[in-house]
Amino acid sequence: MICFIPTKGRLKTKTYKLFEEANIPVYHFIEPQEYDLYDVPNKININKDNQGVTYVRNFMLNYAKENNYEWVIFCDDDVVSFGVYNGKTIKKTASIWFDILERAKKLPFELIGINYTQHAWHENKAYSINSKFAEVCVLMNVQKINWEYNENTKEDRDFQLQTIKNGYGVLRFNHYWFSCPNVGSNQGGLFDLYQSKKDIEWSKNIVKSWHPFAKLVKKKNRIDAKIDIKGYAKSLNKEVK
């Protein structure tokens, strides 16, 4: 098992240290214009600047396959902690991923995720199958994946819907958790695109692609896409829990 972290505009990212402490190797995927600015281990130059998150994620997928990696954690560069909820919210190291890997190896799912720390405590089910999105930090069985991330959409959710369509789908362990800033609130990464409301266009596009299982909704001062992942999986007679 290895961890891939795409990073842009966050020169002081410390997420990799969480994995180093657990003896999980980490590779950073960095644009040419920032490559020399980063002081992080195992830097990979992604060859092109300003191509967006879809480009780098597909680059990472291809890199994993070309180098014969099987189990790869795709993790955002602003994750600050991991843990588990077992009646109490307990902070742990990234070694939780070894427990998750041992379970994942016995199951057919291509994507395996964990929960947000603020939601883990109120989940009744220990795990969900094709009914909850796995995002921010996701373990992938990359050798089973022969589809790619799509451009100009909510690429992570679109990718998971593709995974349900083309594979076994998404397993999420609800009581393991990660902690990170709210999406689009942290300088670097997709911050500028969220500030320019680019996410509205992404929401509209994912609704077009996955109608009638996706629709536009208003959330406070922003437009988002609400996706019936469970309904979509059921429509394909995929396992749902």
Protein backbone atom coordinates (compact mmCIF):
# COMPACT_ATOMS: atom_id res chain seq x y z
CA MET A 1 0.00 0.00 0.00
CA ILE A 2 1.23 3.46 -0.92
CA CYS A 3 -0.18 7.00 -0.68
CA PHE A 4 -0.42 9.53 -3.53
CA ILE A 5 -0.94 13.21 -2.65
CA PRO A 6 -1.63 15.76 -5.41
CA THR A 7 -0.66 19.22 -4.21
CA LYS A 8 -0.88 22.74 -5.59
CA GLY A 9 -0.22 26.06 -3.85
CA ARG A 10 0.30 24.45 -0.43
CA LEU A 11 4.06 24.46 -0.02
CA LYS A 12 3.78 23.83 3.71
CA THR A 13 1.57 20.75 3.43
CA LYS A 14 2.21 18.35 6.29
CA THR A 15 -0.27 15.62 5.40
CA TYR A 16 2.52 13.29 4.29
CA LYS A 17 3.88 13.20 7.85
CA LEU A 18 0.73 11.38 8.99
CA PHE A 19 1.56 8.56 6.59
CA GLU A 20 5.29 8.60 7.29
CA GLU A 21 4.56 8.05 10.98
CA ALA A 22 2.63 4.92 10.00
CA ASN A 23 5.38 3.71 7.60
CA ILE A 24 3.20 4.18 4.54
CA PRO A 25 5.27 5.49 1.59
CA VAL A 26 4.07 8.79 0.12
CA TYR A 27 4.48 10.33 -3.34
CA HIS A 28 3.63 13.96 -4.12
CA PHE A 29 2.33 14.93 -7.56
CA ILE A 30 3.33 18.50 -8.39
CA GLU A 31 3.09 20.87 -11.35
CA PRO A 32 6.38 21.85 -13.09
CA GLN A 33 5.99 25.51 -12.04
CA GLU A 34 5.99 24.56 -8.36
CA TYR A 35 8.17 21.45 -8.40
CA ASP A 36 11.34 23.11 -7.09
CA LEU A 37 9.41 25.11 -4.47
CA TYR A 38 8.19 22.06 -2.56
CA ASP A 39 10.33 20.53 0.17
CA VAL A 40 8.48 17.22 0.48
CA PRO A 41 9.56 13.61 -0.09
CA ASN A 42 9.17 11.65 -3.34
CA LYS A 43 8.16 14.39 -5.76
CA ILE A 44 6.67 13.45 -9.14
CA ASN A 45 6.56 16.11 -11.87
CA ILE A 46 3.17 15.90 -13.61
CA ASN A 47 4.60 17.54 -16.76
CA LYS A 48 1.96 20.25 -17.30
CA ASP A 49 0.83 23.35 -15.39
CA ASN A 50 -2.69 24.50 -14.59
CA GLN A 51 -4.50 21.50 -16.07
CA GLY A 52 -6.81 21.08 -13.09
CA VAL A 53 -7.61 18.33 -10.63
CA THR A 54 -8.92 15.90 -13.27
CA TYR A 55 -5.58 15.93 -15.10
CA VAL A 56 -3.54 15.21 -11.98
CA ARG A 57 -5.86 12.45 -10.76
CA ASN A 58 -5.71 10.69 -14.13
CA PHE A 59 -1.93 11.16 -14.10
CA MET A 60 -1.84 9.45 -10.69
CA LEU A 61 -4.03 6.58 -11.89
CA ASN A 62 -1.80 6.00 -14.90
CA TYR A 63 1.36 6.27 -12.78
CA ALA A 64 0.03 3.65 -10.38
CA LYS A 65 -0.82 1.23 -13.18
CA GLU A 66 2.47 1.75 -15.02
CA ASN A 67 4.37 1.02 -11.81
CA ASN A 68 2.23 -2.00 -10.90
CA TYR A 69 0.85 -0.60 -7.66
CA GLU A 70 -2.33 -2.33 -6.57
CA TRP A 71 -3.60 -0.58 -3.43
CA VAL A 72 -3.12 3.19 -3.47
CA ILE A 73 -4.51 5.85 -1.12
CA PHE A 74 -5.43 9.03 -2.99
CA CYS A 75 -5.33 11.72 -0.29
CA ASP A 76 -5.87 15.49 -0.40
CA ASP A 77 -2.95 17.63 0.76
CA ASP A 78 -4.81 19.32 3.65
CA VAL A 79 -5.85 16.32 5.76
CA VAL A 80 -4.69 17.00 9.33
CA SER A 81 -5.63 13.87 11.30
CA PHE A 82 -7.21 10.42 11.32
CA GLY A 83 -9.11 8.49 13.93
CA VAL A 84 -11.95 6.20 14.89
CA TYR A 85 -15.29 6.58 16.66
CA ASN A 86 -16.08 3.73 19.09
CA GLY A 87 -18.39 5.54 21.48
CA LYS A 88 -15.81 8.28 21.72
CA THR A 89 -14.02 10.20 18.98
CA ILE A 90 -10.44 8.95 19.27
CA LYS A 91 -7.52 10.38 17.31
CA LYS A 92 -5.22 7.78 15.78
CA THR A 93 -2.42 7.65 13.23
CA ALA A 94 -2.69 6.77 9.55
CA SER A 95 -2.07 3.17 10.64
CA ILE A 96 -5.88 2.85 10.52
CA TRP A 97 -5.35 2.28 6.80
CA PHE A 98 -3.67 -1.07 7.49
CA ASP A 99 -6.82 -2.25 9.27
CA ILE A 100 -8.91 -0.97 6.38
CA LEU A 101 -6.63 -2.62 3.81
CA GLU A 102 -6.92 -6.03 5.46
CA ARG A 103 -10.70 -5.81 5.24
CA ALA A 104 -10.67 -4.39 1.71
CA LYS A 105 -8.52 -7.24 0.38
CA LYS A 106 -11.31 -9.70 1.19
CA LEU A 107 -13.93 -7.64 -0.68
CA PRO A 108 -14.50 -6.82 -4.37
CA PHE A 109 -14.94 -3.02 -4.16
CA GLU A 110 -12.67 -0.72 -6.15
CA LEU A 111 -13.02 2.32 -3.87
CA ILE A 112 -12.82 2.25 -0.08
CA GLY A 113 -13.34 5.39 1.96
CA ILE A 114 -13.79 6.70 5.47
CA ASN A 115 -15.95 9.39 7.07
CA TYR A 116 -15.59 13.04 8.02
CA THR A 117 -14.75 13.37 11.72
CA GLN A 118 -17.84 15.52 12.33
CA HIS A 119 -20.16 12.79 11.00
CA ALA A 120 -18.60 9.57 12.29
CA TRP A 121 -20.24 9.79 15.71
CA HIS A 122 -23.84 9.76 14.46
CA GLU A 123 -23.54 6.93 11.92
CA ASN A 124 -25.53 3.87 12.95
CA LYS A 125 -23.95 1.53 10.42
CA ALA A 126 -20.30 0.52 10.64
CA TYR A 127 -20.05 0.56 6.85
CA SER A 128 -22.01 1.55 3.77
CA ILE A 129 -22.00 0.01 0.30
CA ASN A 130 -22.89 2.18 -2.71
CA SER A 131 -24.94 4.52 -0.53
CA LYS A 132 -22.36 7.05 0.73
CA PHE A 133 -19.63 8.91 -1.13
CA ALA A 134 -16.00 8.27 -0.25
CA GLU A 135 -13.93 11.41 -0.68
CA VAL A 136 -10.86 13.39 0.43
CA CYS A 137 -8.88 10.25 1.35
CA VAL A 138 -9.76 7.08 -0.56
CA LEU A 139 -8.09 3.69 -0.90
CA MET A 140 -8.26 2.39 -4.47
CA ASN A 141 -7.66 -0.99 -6.01
CA VAL A 142 -6.26 0.72 -9.10
CA GLN A 143 -5.58 -2.40 -11.14
CA LYS A 144 -9.34 -3.04 -11.25
CA ILE A 145 -10.10 0.45 -12.57
CA ASN A 146 -10.21 1.02 -16.34
CA TRP A 147 -12.19 4.28 -16.34
CA GLU A 148 -10.93 7.83 -15.82
CA TYR A 149 -11.88 11.05 -14.11
CA ASN A 150 -13.99 13.37 -16.28
CA GLU A 151 -13.27 17.04 -16.90
CA ASN A 152 -15.30 20.05 -15.76
CA THR A 153 -17.53 18.28 -13.27
CA LYS A 154 -17.54 17.24 -9.62
CA GLU A 155 -14.85 14.80 -10.64
CA ASP A 156 -14.62 12.69 -7.49
CA ARG A 157 -18.36 12.01 -7.30
CA ASP A 158 -18.61 11.46 -11.04
CA PHE A 159 -15.76 8.96 -10.74
CA GLN A 160 -17.58 7.08 -8.00
CA LEU A 161 -20.75 6.88 -10.04
CA GLN A 162 -18.64 5.49 -12.89
CA THR A 163 -17.21 2.96 -10.43
CA ILE A 164 -20.70 1.78 -9.48
CA LYS A 165 -21.61 1.56 -13.17
CA ASN A 166 -18.47 -0.24 -14.32
CA GLY A 167 -17.38 -2.18 -11.24
CA TYR A 168 -18.53 -3.28 -7.81
CA GLY A 169 -18.56 0.24 -6.43
CA VAL A 170 -17.83 2.11 -3.23
CA LEU A 171 -17.42 0.82 0.31
CA ARG A 172 -17.18 3.35 3.14
CA PHE A 173 -16.22 2.59 6.73
CA ASN A 174 -18.34 5.07 8.64
CA HIS A 175 -16.60 5.03 12.02
CA TYR A 176 -13.08 5.58 10.74
CA TRP A 177 -12.55 9.27 10.06
CA PHE A 178 -10.31 12.01 8.68
CA SER A 179 -10.23 15.71 9.53
CA CYS A 180 -9.65 18.53 7.05
CA PRO A 181 -10.82 22.13 6.35
CA ASN A 182 -14.16 22.70 4.63
CA VAL A 183 -14.01 22.32 0.86
CA GLY A 184 -12.91 25.48 -0.93
CA SER A 185 -12.06 27.28 2.33
CA ASN A 186 -8.34 26.63 2.40
CA GLN A 187 -5.80 28.61 0.33
CA GLY A 188 -4.26 26.53 -2.44
CA GLY A 189 -5.78 23.52 -4.14
CA LEU A 190 -9.19 24.43 -5.59
CA PHE A 191 -9.58 27.58 -3.48
CA ASP A 192 -9.48 30.07 -6.39
CA LEU A 193 -11.95 28.03 -8.43
CA TYR A 194 -14.42 27.87 -5.55
CA GLN A 195 -14.06 31.61 -5.00
CA SER A 196 -14.94 32.21 -8.66
CA LYS A 197 -18.01 29.94 -8.29
CA LYS A 198 -16.65 27.39 -10.74
CA ASP A 199 -18.28 24.71 -8.61
CA ILE A 200 -21.70 25.86 -9.88
CA GLU A 201 -20.69 24.84 -13.40
CA TRP A 202 -19.39 21.52 -12.07
CA SER A 203 -22.69 20.90 -10.30
CA LYS A 204 -24.69 21.65 -13.43
CA ASN A 205 -22.54 19.31 -15.48
CA ILE A 206 -22.77 16.37 -13.11
CA VAL A 207 -26.56 16.78 -13.03
CA LYS A 208 -26.63 16.65 -16.83
CA SER A 209 -24.51 13.51 -16.84
CA TRP A 210 -26.38 11.58 -14.15
CA HIS A 211 -30.01 12.75 -14.44
CA PRO A 212 -32.46 11.64 -13.05
CA PHE A 213 -30.27 10.54 -10.13
CA ALA A 214 -28.80 14.02 -9.67
CA LYS A 215 -30.46 17.40 -9.24
CA LEU A 216 -29.43 20.97 -8.42
CA VAL A 217 -30.10 22.22 -4.89
CA LYS A 218 -29.45 25.45 -3.02
CA LYS A 219 -27.17 25.24 0.03
CA LYS A 220 -27.05 28.55 1.88
CA ASN A 221 -25.27 30.86 -0.59
CA ARG A 222 -24.20 28.24 -3.13
CA ILE A 223 -25.58 25.85 -5.71
CA ASP A 224 -24.74 22.18 -5.33
CA ALA A 225 -25.68 18.84 -6.84
CA LYS A 226 -27.64 16.36 -4.76
CA ILE A 227 -26.95 12.84 -5.96
CA ASP A 228 -29.00 9.75 -5.18
CA ILE A 229 -26.08 7.34 -5.16
CA LYS A 230 -28.16 4.60 -3.53
CA GLY A 231 -30.96 4.95 -6.08
CA TYR A 232 -28.48 4.82 -8.94
CA ALA A 233 -26.83 1.68 -7.59
CA LYS A 234 -30.22 0.01 -7.10
CA SER A 235 -31.20 0.87 -10.68
CA LEU A 236 -28.22 -1.21 -11.83
CA ASN A 237 -28.98 -4.04 -9.38
CA LYS A 238 -25.71 -3.37 -7.57
CA GLU A 239 -25.20 -4.25 -3.93
CA VAL A 240 -26.48 -1.53 -1.57
CA LYS A 241 -26.22 -1.28 2.18
